[in-house]
Every structure is written in structure tokens, then in C-alpha cells.
C-alpha atoms as a PDB file:
ATOM      1  CA  MET A   1      -0.045   0.207  -0.138  1.00  0.00           C
ATOM      2  CA  SER A   2       1.242   3.788  -1.017  1.00  0.00           C
ATOM      3  CA  THR A   3       0.059   5.956   1.344  1.00  0.00           C
ATOM      4  CA  LYS A   4       1.082   8.874  -0.669  1.00  0.00           C
ATOM      5  CA  MET A   5      -1.324   7.157  -3.797  1.00  0.00           C
ATOM      6  CA  LEU A   6      -3.763   6.782  -0.935  1.00  0.00           C
ATOM      7  CA  PHE A   7      -4.006  10.400   0.023  1.00  0.00           C
ATOM      8  CA  ALA A   8      -3.635  11.246  -3.375  1.00  0.00           C
ATOM      9  CA  ALA A   9      -6.885   9.227  -4.160  1.00  0.00           C
ATOM     10  CA  LEU A  10      -8.760  10.888  -1.733  1.00  0.00           C
ATOM     11  CA  ALA A  11      -7.815  14.308  -2.589  1.00  0.00           C
ATOM     12  CA  VAL A  12      -9.201  14.321  -5.783  1.00  0.00           C
ATOM     13  CA  ASN A  13     -10.390  17.117  -6.801  1.00  0.00           C
ATOM     14  CA  LYS A  14     -12.764  16.088 -10.318  1.00  0.00           C
ATOM     15  CA  PRO A  15     -16.310  15.549 -10.182  1.00  0.00           C
ATOM     16  CA  ILE A  16     -16.038  11.916  -9.742  1.00  0.00           C
ATOM     17  CA  THR A  17     -18.792   9.744  -8.316  1.00  0.00           C
ATOM     18  CA  SER A  18     -18.945   7.774  -5.020  1.00  0.00           C
ATOM     19  CA  THR A  19     -18.415   4.632  -7.263  1.00  0.00           C
ATOM     20  CA  GLN A  20     -15.440   5.749  -8.598  1.00  0.00           C
ATOM     21  CA  ARG A  21     -13.837   7.655  -5.657  1.00  0.00           C
ATOM     22  CA  ILE A  22     -14.043   4.285  -4.023  1.00  0.00           C
ATOM     23  CA  VAL A  23     -13.122   2.286  -7.041  1.00  0.00           C
ATOM     24  CA  LEU A  24      -9.916   4.593  -6.878  1.00  0.00           C
ATOM     25  CA  ILE A  25      -9.182   4.563  -3.655  1.00  0.00           C
ATOM     26  CA  TYR A  26      -9.037   0.714  -3.477  1.00  0.00           C
ATOM     27  CA  LEU A  27      -6.741   0.951  -6.673  1.00  0.00           C
ATOM     28  CA  ALA A  28      -4.524   3.253  -4.480  1.00  0.00           C
ATOM     29  CA  ASN A  29      -4.671   0.895  -1.982  1.00  0.00           C
ATOM     30  CA  HIS A  30      -3.372  -1.832  -4.317  1.00  0.00           C
ATOM     31  CA  HIS A  31      -0.295   0.771  -5.412  1.00  0.00           C
ATOM     32  CA  ASN A  32       2.733  -0.688  -4.229  1.00  0.00           C
ATOM     33  CA  GLN A  33       5.243   2.135  -4.174  1.00  0.00           C
ATOM     34  CA  ARG A  34       9.098  -0.013  -4.210  1.00  0.00           C
ATOM     35  CA  ASN A  35       8.037  -0.698  -7.933  1.00  0.00           C
ATOM     36  CA  ASN A  36       5.309   1.241  -8.894  1.00  0.00           C
ATOM     37  CA  ARG A  37       2.812  -1.342  -9.783  1.00  0.00           C
ATOM     38  CA  CYS A  38      -1.003  -1.350  -8.959  1.00  0.00           C
ATOM     39  CA  ASP A  39      -2.351  -4.775 -10.615  1.00  0.00           C
ATOM     40  CA  PRO A  40      -5.487  -6.185  -8.814  1.00  0.00           C
ATOM     41  CA  SER A  41      -7.718  -7.363 -10.913  1.00  0.00           C
ATOM     42  CA  GLU A  42     -11.410  -6.513 -11.419  1.00  0.00           C
ATOM     43  CA  LYS A  43     -12.648  -9.499  -9.664  1.00  0.00           C
ATOM     44  CA  THR A  44     -10.579  -8.647  -6.339  1.00  0.00           C
ATOM     45  CA  LEU A  45     -11.745  -5.091  -6.316  1.00  0.00           C
ATOM     46  CA  ALA A  46     -15.281  -6.269  -6.968  1.00  0.00           C
ATOM     47  CA  ARG A  47     -15.023  -8.598  -4.145  1.00  0.00           C
ATOM     48  CA  GLU A  48     -13.156  -5.798  -2.117  1.00  0.00           C
ATOM     49  CA  THR A  49     -15.451  -2.990  -2.389  1.00  0.00           C
ATOM     50  CA  GLY A  50     -19.020  -4.595  -2.350  1.00  0.00           C
ATOM     51  CA  LEU A  51     -19.465  -3.707  -6.109  1.00  0.00           C
ATOM     52  CA  SER A  52     -20.070  -5.482  -8.669  1.00  0.00           C
ATOM     53  CA  VAL A  53     -17.313  -6.813 -11.536  1.00  0.00           C
ATOM     54  CA  ARG A  54     -19.606  -4.361 -13.603  1.00  0.00           C
ATOM     55  CA  ALA A  55     -19.600  -1.302 -12.009  1.00  0.00           C
ATOM     56  CA  VAL A  56     -15.863  -1.610 -10.752  1.00  0.00           C
ATOM     57  CA  ARG A  57     -15.100  -1.873 -14.973  1.00  0.00           C
ATOM     58  CA  SER A  58     -17.381   0.808 -15.632  1.00  0.00           C
ATOM     59  CA  SER A  59     -15.628   3.134 -13.216  1.00  0.00           C
ATOM     60  CA  ILE A  60     -12.100   2.031 -14.326  1.00  0.00           C
ATOM     61  CA  ASN A  61     -13.292   3.436 -17.677  1.00  0.00           C
ATOM     62  CA  ALA A  62     -14.557   7.224 -16.209  1.00  0.00           C
ATOM     63  CA  LEU A  63     -11.206   7.134 -14.510  1.00  0.00           C
ATOM     64  CA  LEU A  64      -9.571   6.559 -17.449  1.00  0.00           C
ATOM     65  CA  SER A  65     -11.800   9.032 -19.870  1.00  0.00           C
ATOM     66  CA  LEU A  66     -11.079  11.863 -16.855  1.00  0.00           C
ATOM     67  CA  GLY A  67      -7.290  11.268 -17.195  1.00  0.00           C
ATOM     68  CA  LEU A  68      -6.817   9.823 -13.411  1.00  0.00           C
ATOM     69  CA  ILE A  69      -5.698   6.936 -14.437  1.00  0.00           C
ATOM     70  CA  ASP A  70      -3.837   4.619 -17.092  1.00  0.00           C
ATOM     71  CA  ARG A  71      -4.201   1.081 -17.981  1.00  0.00           C
ATOM     72  CA  LYS A  72      -1.760  -1.597 -19.608  1.00  0.00           C
ATOM     73  CA  GLN A  73      -3.777  -4.701 -20.790  1.00  0.00           C
ATOM     74  CA  ARG A  74      -1.897  -7.395 -20.211  1.00  0.00           C
ATOM     75  CA  PHE A  75      -2.113 -11.125 -21.908  1.00  0.00           C
ATOM     76  CA  ASN A  76      -3.738 -13.743 -19.452  1.00  0.00           C
ATOM     77  CA  ARG A  77      -3.073 -11.837 -16.293  1.00  0.00           C
ATOM     78  CA  SER A  78      -5.095  -8.999 -14.872  1.00  0.00           C
ATOM     79  CA  ASN A  79      -4.342  -5.108 -15.610  1.00  0.00           C
ATOM     80  CA  SER A  80      -1.882  -2.875 -14.526  1.00  0.00           C
ATOM     81  CA  TYR A  81      -2.824   0.187 -13.503  1.00  0.00           C
ATOM     82  CA  ASP A  82      -0.744   3.605 -13.560  1.00  0.00           C
ATOM     83  CA  LEU A  83      -1.573   6.095 -11.329  1.00  0.00           C
ATOM     84  CA  THR A  84       0.977   9.141 -11.575  1.00  0.00           C
ATOM     85  CA  TYR A  85      -1.634  10.747 -12.934  1.00  0.00           C
ATOM     86  CA  LEU A  86      -3.067  11.297 -10.213  1.00  0.00           C
ATOM     87  CA  GLY A  87      -0.693  14.839  -9.456  1.00  0.00           C
ATOM     88  CA  LEU A  88       2.296  13.005  -7.677  1.00  0.00           C
END
């Protein structure tokens, strides 16, 4: 967990829904500060947040379109997310 990313996610001032904010916070919670990796699966995020996989996917897509995160799709693995766009 990266506390810097977690605080950055909490401090986002863009107009995002509460569901999008929850997903962003949980993504930040998965960020590894040592290797800058963040690669939880949508299923893991859904389980942890109590949201459906569809709601998680929709929120991630909204966060992508707002420029708050970036996604790298990996073959046969969970996606990897770049949270450096949070302003750090």
C-alpha cells in the first residue's frame, strides 16, 4: 500500500461519483510504492469494495476517460494500472 497514492486518491477534486472514488481508493490501496505496480483484478476490486464487477469496470473506464489513471492490458493476466496521473 502506498499512503501517498491513497492520500492523492482522497484529495482528487474532479467531479467523480462515489462509486468511482471508492474504486480509485482501492486501486491506490493496491499500489506498491517500491516497484510502482498496481495490478488488482476487477474481480478482486469487486470483492473488496462490495461492488459488482460491472460497476468496477464502468468506474475504471470513467477514471481512464477523466485522465486520473492509465491502464496497461496484459495477456492472460490482470490489468496493470498507472496512478501517477493523480498529481504526484
